[in-house]
């Protein structure tokens, strides 16, 4: 009987045959280990993605869904159907490099308290810069705004080796991260109701509260194309980010902590709504309203999750206690290194 692989590299795909043609050959070439499976989980594609993989990459395993589950549920179900000790979630628009997997697995092998680790993620289009979605490890501020080592708001830094040391982080990027399978399911896994966006931050928050440490290991380097699903300014992307950010806090903050957060957050989002209106970005203004409507409609789904959160908190996760928007626009802080120097 064949033993289960040590690692399963899970690549979620939906109607992205062109991305598979471009990036899957590199993954197969640089992930050639006897104890590693490469799995393409297809979200009901209609563009011959599955046929392309079958014909050109016979060693790659395929899990084909009949519908589009989105990022969260698609990856979650794929992992349920996959045997492994560690799971590596990898976007289908990521270019890996020689030896990319070794530093990541070494972190988990040698540090039993670490539950997840991400590589340094650089931009494929501008290789000298970090990539927006994850850069060199992620954090969130006290009001729920995410930022990274290498990216504050829309300001992305050049990679000059300034973040080449491993460091504990609040969240690992969904574009590429390795996680212990047992700990993933122990924390509840990706939230299928999120569909897409913020699901990795929500998961990492719960992993941290369950006692795990999350890391970035810059010795591993990948390049991310980004924007493969929705462009940055798409109203639906904005809606999902706002809605899921609030849902994430509703799940992971209990009692007065959530209501204190929400009291201030509503005023902030109202200001954003006014800015959208002044700029005549009506679709974005409507998306923000829709995000709140969906949050109030969906919050009833999370009563048990909130109880579980209150019972499972074992350690304080490294959350930034400031307000990154104030730091950026008022204090004129545009880099993570400058932020940490002025704390």
Protein backbone atom coordinates (compact mmCIF):
# COMPACT_ATOMS: atom_id res chain seq x y z
CA UNK A 1 0.00 0.00 0.00
CA UNK A 2 1.43 3.37 -1.05
CA UNK A 3 1.98 5.79 1.81
CA UNK A 4 0.47 9.27 1.80
CA UNK A 5 2.71 12.04 0.48
CA UNK A 6 4.44 14.40 2.88
CA UNK A 7 3.17 17.46 0.98
CA UNK A 8 0.30 18.11 -1.41
CA UNK A 9 0.68 21.23 -3.56
CA UNK A 10 -2.91 22.25 -4.29
CA UNK A 11 -3.48 24.54 -7.27
CA UNK A 12 -7.04 25.83 -7.61
CA UNK A 13 -8.17 26.62 -11.14
CA UNK A 14 -11.22 28.08 -12.83
CA UNK A 15 -11.27 28.73 -16.57
CA UNK A 16 -7.58 29.58 -16.57
CA UNK A 17 -6.06 27.20 -19.07
CA UNK A 18 -3.72 29.97 -20.25
CA UNK A 19 -2.36 30.39 -16.72
CA UNK A 20 -1.85 26.64 -16.39
CA UNK A 21 0.01 26.60 -19.72
CA UNK A 22 2.26 29.36 -18.44
CA UNK A 23 2.91 28.41 -14.83
CA UNK A 24 2.24 24.70 -14.29
CA UNK A 25 5.37 23.54 -16.20
CA UNK A 26 7.58 25.42 -13.72
CA UNK A 27 5.74 23.97 -10.73
CA UNK A 28 6.20 20.45 -12.07
CA UNK A 29 9.87 21.06 -12.94
CA UNK A 30 10.86 22.58 -9.59
CA UNK A 31 8.64 20.43 -7.37
CA UNK A 32 9.97 17.05 -8.39
CA UNK A 33 10.07 15.16 -5.08
CA UNK A 34 8.95 11.55 -4.47
CA UNK A 35 7.02 12.58 -1.36
CA UNK A 36 5.20 15.56 -2.92
CA UNK A 37 1.97 15.41 -4.92
CA UNK A 38 0.88 18.20 -7.24
CA UNK A 39 -2.90 18.50 -7.35
CA UNK A 40 -4.96 20.68 -9.68
CA UNK A 41 -8.41 21.27 -8.17
CA UNK A 42 -10.68 22.53 -10.94
CA UNK A 43 -13.72 24.65 -10.10
CA UNK A 44 -15.97 23.49 -12.94
CA UNK A 45 -13.96 25.02 -15.78
CA UNK A 46 -15.42 25.09 -19.30
CA UNK A 47 -12.20 26.02 -21.13
CA UNK A 48 -10.52 22.57 -21.44
CA UNK A 49 -8.29 23.19 -18.40
CA UNK A 50 -8.76 19.63 -17.16
CA UNK A 51 -8.07 18.11 -20.57
CA UNK A 52 -4.91 20.19 -20.90
CA UNK A 53 -3.53 18.91 -17.58
CA UNK A 54 -4.42 15.30 -18.35
CA UNK A 55 -2.74 15.40 -21.75
CA UNK A 56 0.42 17.26 -20.79
CA UNK A 57 1.09 16.46 -17.12
CA UNK A 58 0.19 12.84 -16.36
CA UNK A 59 1.90 12.97 -12.95
CA UNK A 60 -0.36 15.80 -11.77
CA UNK A 61 -3.44 14.63 -9.90
CA UNK A 62 -6.78 16.21 -10.80
CA UNK A 63 -9.81 16.87 -8.64
CA UNK A 64 -12.65 18.13 -10.85
CA UNK A 65 -15.63 19.87 -9.28
CA UNK A 66 -18.89 20.29 -11.17
CA UNK A 67 -19.30 23.93 -10.13
CA UNK A 68 -17.26 26.97 -9.10
CA UNK A 69 -16.81 26.73 -5.34
CA UNK A 70 -14.64 29.85 -5.16
CA UNK A 71 -11.21 30.01 -3.53
CA UNK A 72 -12.24 29.16 0.02
CA UNK A 73 -14.52 26.16 -0.49
CA UNK A 74 -12.60 24.91 -3.53
CA UNK A 75 -9.33 24.64 -1.62
CA UNK A 76 -11.06 23.29 1.47
CA UNK A 77 -12.82 20.45 -0.37
CA UNK A 78 -9.67 19.69 -2.34
CA UNK A 79 -7.72 19.22 0.89
CA UNK A 80 -10.44 16.96 2.30
CA UNK A 81 -9.97 14.73 -0.75
CA UNK A 82 -6.16 14.82 -0.52
CA UNK A 83 -3.90 12.85 1.82
CA UNK A 84 -0.82 14.63 3.15
CA UNK A 85 0.91 15.92 6.29
CA UNK A 86 1.43 19.44 4.95
CA UNK A 87 -0.70 21.24 2.36
CA UNK A 88 0.71 23.98 0.16
CA UNK A 89 -1.97 26.23 -1.33
CA UNK A 90 -0.59 27.76 -4.52
CA UNK A 91 -2.36 30.15 -6.88
CA UNK A 92 -2.39 29.15 -10.54
CA UNK A 93 -0.64 32.42 -11.49
CA UNK A 94 2.48 31.89 -9.38
CA UNK A 95 5.92 31.25 -10.89
CA UNK A 96 8.06 29.17 -8.56
CA UNK A 97 11.86 29.06 -8.49
CA UNK A 98 14.42 26.25 -8.07
CA UNK A 99 14.43 24.92 -4.51
CA UNK A 100 11.42 27.02 -3.53
CA UNK A 101 9.77 24.31 -1.45
CA UNK A 102 12.75 23.19 0.66
CA UNK A 103 13.00 26.22 3.02
CA UNK A 104 9.26 26.11 3.71
CA UNK A 105 9.11 22.44 4.63
CA UNK A 106 12.26 22.86 6.74
CA UNK A 107 10.51 25.51 8.86
CA UNK A 108 7.63 23.14 9.67
CA UNK A 109 9.91 20.11 10.12
CA UNK A 110 12.18 21.88 12.61
CA UNK A 111 9.65 24.06 14.48
CA UNK A 112 6.68 22.14 15.84
CA UNK A 113 5.03 25.31 17.12
CA UNK A 114 4.89 26.80 13.60
CA UNK A 115 1.64 25.87 11.86
CA UNK A 116 2.01 27.78 8.58
CA UNK A 117 4.72 29.54 6.57
CA UNK A 118 4.77 31.59 3.38
CA UNK A 119 7.61 32.42 0.96
CA UNK A 120 8.78 35.86 -0.09
CA UNK A 121 6.37 36.87 -2.85
CA UNK A 122 7.64 39.18 -5.57
CA UNK A 123 5.77 40.73 -8.48
CA UNK A 124 6.04 38.85 -11.75
CA UNK A 125 5.49 42.04 -13.75
CA UNK A 126 7.96 44.07 -11.69
CA UNK A 127 10.40 41.49 -10.28
CA UNK A 128 12.37 44.08 -8.34
CA UNK A 129 9.28 44.79 -6.22
CA UNK A 130 7.26 42.85 -3.68
CA UNK A 131 3.85 41.63 -4.76
CA UNK A 132 0.77 43.32 -3.34
CA UNK A 133 -1.02 40.21 -2.05
CA UNK A 134 1.31 38.99 0.68
CA UNK A 135 4.74 40.49 -0.03
CA UNK A 136 6.97 39.24 2.83
CA UNK A 137 4.30 38.43 5.41
CA UNK A 138 1.06 40.06 6.50
CA UNK A 139 -0.43 41.94 9.46
CA UNK A 140 -3.66 43.80 10.25
CA UNK A 141 -4.14 46.94 12.29
CA UNK A 142 -6.63 47.53 15.10
CA UNK A 143 -9.39 48.49 12.64
CA UNK A 144 -8.93 45.52 10.34
CA UNK A 145 -6.85 47.04 7.54
CA UNK A 146 -4.25 44.57 6.23
CA UNK A 147 -0.69 45.46 5.28
CA UNK A 148 2.58 43.60 4.71
CA UNK A 149 6.32 43.62 5.12
CA UNK A 150 6.91 45.27 1.78
CA UNK A 151 3.48 46.82 1.15
CA UNK A 152 1.48 49.46 3.00
CA UNK A 153 -1.87 50.25 1.40
CA UNK A 154 -1.06 50.65 -2.32
CA UNK A 155 2.62 51.53 -1.76
CA UNK A 156 4.70 48.50 -2.74
CA UNK A 157 8.40 48.51 -1.86
CA UNK A 158 11.36 47.38 -3.89
CA UNK A 159 13.04 44.24 -2.59
CA UNK A 160 16.51 45.28 -1.49
CA UNK A 161 16.94 42.40 0.93
CA UNK A 162 15.53 44.49 3.80
CA UNK A 163 13.13 41.71 4.84
CA UNK A 164 15.33 38.66 4.22
CA UNK A 165 15.07 37.39 7.79
CA UNK A 166 12.36 34.92 8.89
CA UNK A 167 9.73 36.55 11.07
CA UNK A 168 6.47 35.76 12.80
CA UNK A 169 3.49 37.27 11.00
CA UNK A 170 -0.24 37.63 11.55
CA UNK A 171 -1.24 36.11 8.22
CA UNK A 172 0.27 34.18 5.34
CA UNK A 173 -0.70 35.02 1.78
CA UNK A 174 -3.26 32.79 0.07
CA UNK A 175 -1.15 33.06 -3.08
CA UNK A 176 1.36 30.59 -1.62
CA UNK A 177 1.65 29.12 1.88
CA UNK A 178 2.39 25.80 3.54
CA UNK A 179 0.23 24.66 6.46
CA UNK A 180 -0.02 21.62 8.68
CA UNK A 181 -3.08 19.67 7.53
CA UNK A 182 -4.10 18.67 11.07
CA UNK A 183 -3.87 22.25 12.34
CA UNK A 184 -5.76 23.56 9.28
CA UNK A 185 -8.78 21.39 10.06
CA UNK A 186 -8.38 21.95 13.80
CA UNK A 187 -8.88 25.68 13.23
CA UNK A 188 -11.90 25.06 10.99
CA UNK A 189 -10.22 25.58 7.61
CA UNK A 190 -11.14 28.17 5.02
CA UNK A 191 -14.60 29.64 5.51
CA UNK A 192 -16.70 28.53 2.49
CA UNK A 193 -19.12 31.45 2.94
CA UNK A 194 -16.33 33.90 2.17
CA UNK A 195 -16.09 32.55 -1.42
CA UNK A 196 -12.97 34.65 -2.08
CA UNK A 197 -10.85 37.38 -0.43
CA UNK A 198 -9.78 37.66 3.24
CA UNK A 199 -10.22 33.92 3.75
CA UNK A 200 -6.52 33.34 4.40
CA UNK A 201 -6.39 36.16 6.99
CA UNK A 202 -9.43 34.71 8.74
CA UNK A 203 -7.86 31.24 8.76
CA UNK A 204 -4.51 32.52 9.99
CA UNK A 205 -6.19 34.48 12.77
CA UNK A 206 -7.84 31.28 13.99
CA UNK A 207 -4.62 29.29 13.64
CA UNK A 208 -2.90 31.87 15.81
CA UNK A 209 -5.64 31.91 18.43
CA UNK A 210 -5.45 28.12 18.61
CA UNK A 211 -1.83 28.51 19.73
CA UNK A 212 0.06 28.26 16.45
CA UNK A 213 2.83 30.49 15.14
CA UNK A 214 2.80 31.74 11.54
CA UNK A 215 6.01 32.64 9.74
CA UNK A 216 7.49 34.03 6.56
CA UNK A 217 10.63 32.35 5.20
CA UNK A 218 12.29 34.67 2.64
CA UNK A 219 14.78 31.99 1.55
CA UNK A 220 11.88 30.66 -0.49
CA UNK A 221 11.00 32.99 -3.38
CA UNK A 222 8.07 32.95 -5.79
CA UNK A 223 6.69 35.45 -8.31
CA UNK A 224 2.97 36.25 -8.41
CA UNK A 225 1.14 37.65 -11.42
CA UNK A 226 -1.88 38.77 -9.36
CA UNK A 227 -5.29 40.02 -10.41
CA UNK A 228 -6.06 36.79 -12.22
CA UNK A 229 -9.58 36.50 -10.84
CA UNK A 230 -10.77 40.11 -10.50
CA UNK A 231 -8.97 43.38 -11.26
CA UNK A 232 -7.99 45.54 -8.28
CA UNK A 233 -10.78 48.12 -8.80
CA UNK A 234 -13.61 45.69 -9.56
CA UNK A 235 -16.76 46.48 -7.47
CA UNK A 236 -17.33 42.80 -6.63
CA UNK A 237 -13.76 42.53 -5.32
CA UNK A 238 -14.37 45.61 -3.17
CA UNK A 239 -17.65 44.17 -1.85
CA UNK A 240 -16.06 40.84 -0.92
CA UNK A 241 -13.14 42.53 0.80
CA UNK A 242 -15.37 44.81 2.90
CA UNK A 243 -17.94 42.12 3.71
CA UNK A 244 -15.44 39.40 4.55
CA UNK A 245 -13.30 41.75 6.62
CA UNK A 246 -16.25 42.56 8.86
CA UNK A 247 -17.36 38.91 9.00
CA UNK A 248 -13.81 37.95 9.96
CA UNK A 249 -13.86 40.34 12.91
CA UNK A 250 -17.34 39.21 13.90
CA UNK A 251 -16.05 35.63 14.07
CA UNK A 252 -12.76 36.34 15.83
CA UNK A 253 -13.61 39.17 18.22
CA UNK A 254 -16.12 38.43 20.95
CA UNK A 255 -18.30 40.63 23.13
CA UNK A 256 -17.38 44.27 23.62
CA UNK A 257 -14.23 43.91 21.50
CA UNK A 258 -16.26 43.44 18.33
CA UNK A 259 -18.73 46.23 19.07
CA UNK A 260 -15.92 48.64 19.92
CA UNK A 261 -14.28 47.76 16.61
CA UNK A 262 -17.55 48.10 14.73
CA UNK A 263 -18.45 51.48 16.25
CA UNK A 264 -15.36 53.08 14.73
CA UNK A 265 -15.32 50.98 11.58
CA UNK A 266 -18.79 52.17 10.52
CA UNK A 267 -17.62 55.79 10.57
CA UNK A 268 -14.54 54.88 8.54
CA UNK A 269 -16.56 53.04 5.93
CA UNK A 270 -19.06 55.90 5.80
CA UNK A 271 -16.14 58.19 4.95
CA UNK A 272 -15.10 55.78 2.19
CA UNK A 273 -18.67 55.82 0.88
CA UNK A 274 -18.61 59.62 0.71
CA UNK A 275 -15.28 59.54 -1.14
CA UNK A 276 -16.69 57.09 -3.70
CA UNK A 277 -19.69 59.36 -4.20
CA UNK A 278 -17.55 62.48 -4.58
CA UNK A 279 -15.44 60.69 -7.18
CA UNK A 280 -18.63 59.49 -8.90
CA UNK A 281 -17.58 55.90 -8.38
CA UNK A 282 -21.19 54.86 -7.91
CA UNK A 283 -20.54 51.16 -8.49
CA UNK A 284 -18.02 51.14 -5.64
CA UNK A 285 -20.42 53.03 -3.36
CA UNK A 286 -23.14 50.49 -4.10
CA UNK A 287 -20.68 47.65 -3.49
CA UNK A 288 -19.90 49.00 -0.01
CA UNK A 289 -23.61 49.18 0.84
CA UNK A 290 -24.11 45.67 -0.46
CA UNK A 291 -21.19 44.46 1.69
CA UNK A 292 -22.95 45.69 4.84
CA UNK A 293 -26.29 44.24 3.76
CA UNK A 294 -24.71 40.84 3.22
CA UNK A 295 -22.86 41.01 6.53
CA UNK A 296 -26.07 41.60 8.48
CA UNK A 297 -27.78 38.84 6.55
CA UNK A 298 -24.92 36.36 7.08
CA UNK A 299 -23.92 37.05 10.68
CA UNK A 300 -26.43 34.50 11.99
CA UNK A 301 -24.30 31.77 10.42
CA UNK A 302 -21.50 32.42 12.91
CA UNK A 303 -22.98 32.08 16.40
CA UNK A 304 -21.22 28.74 16.98
CA UNK A 305 -17.99 30.02 15.46
CA UNK A 306 -17.95 32.94 17.90
CA UNK A 307 -18.45 30.60 20.85
CA UNK A 308 -15.63 28.40 19.57
CA UNK A 309 -13.41 31.45 19.18
CA UNK A 310 -13.95 32.46 22.80
CA UNK A 311 -13.09 28.99 24.04
CA UNK A 312 -10.02 28.44 21.83
CA UNK A 313 -7.96 31.57 22.43
CA UNK A 314 -4.63 30.25 23.69
CA UNK A 315 -2.24 33.04 22.76
CA UNK A 316 -2.21 36.67 21.71
CA UNK A 317 -1.48 36.97 18.00
CA UNK A 318 0.92 39.71 16.75
CA UNK A 319 -1.64 42.30 15.64
CA UNK A 320 -0.61 45.92 15.01
CA UNK A 321 -2.33 48.17 17.55
CA UNK A 322 -2.10 51.34 15.46
CA UNK A 323 -4.07 52.62 12.46
CA UNK A 324 -2.20 52.07 9.22
CA UNK A 325 -4.24 54.67 7.28
CA UNK A 326 -3.25 57.37 9.80
CA UNK A 327 0.36 56.23 9.62
CA UNK A 328 0.35 56.40 5.83
CA UNK A 329 -1.50 59.65 5.15
CA UNK A 330 -0.67 61.70 8.26
CA UNK A 331 2.63 60.32 9.54
CA UNK A 332 3.81 59.77 5.92
CA UNK A 333 5.04 56.27 6.64
CA UNK A 334 5.26 54.35 3.38
CA UNK A 335 7.33 51.28 4.29
CA UNK A 336 7.14 48.53 6.86
CA UNK A 337 10.70 49.13 8.05
CA UNK A 338 9.92 52.81 8.65
CA UNK A 339 6.77 51.84 10.53
CA UNK A 340 8.64 49.53 12.90
CA UNK A 341 11.32 52.16 13.54
CA UNK A 342 8.67 54.69 14.62
CA UNK A 343 6.63 52.41 16.85
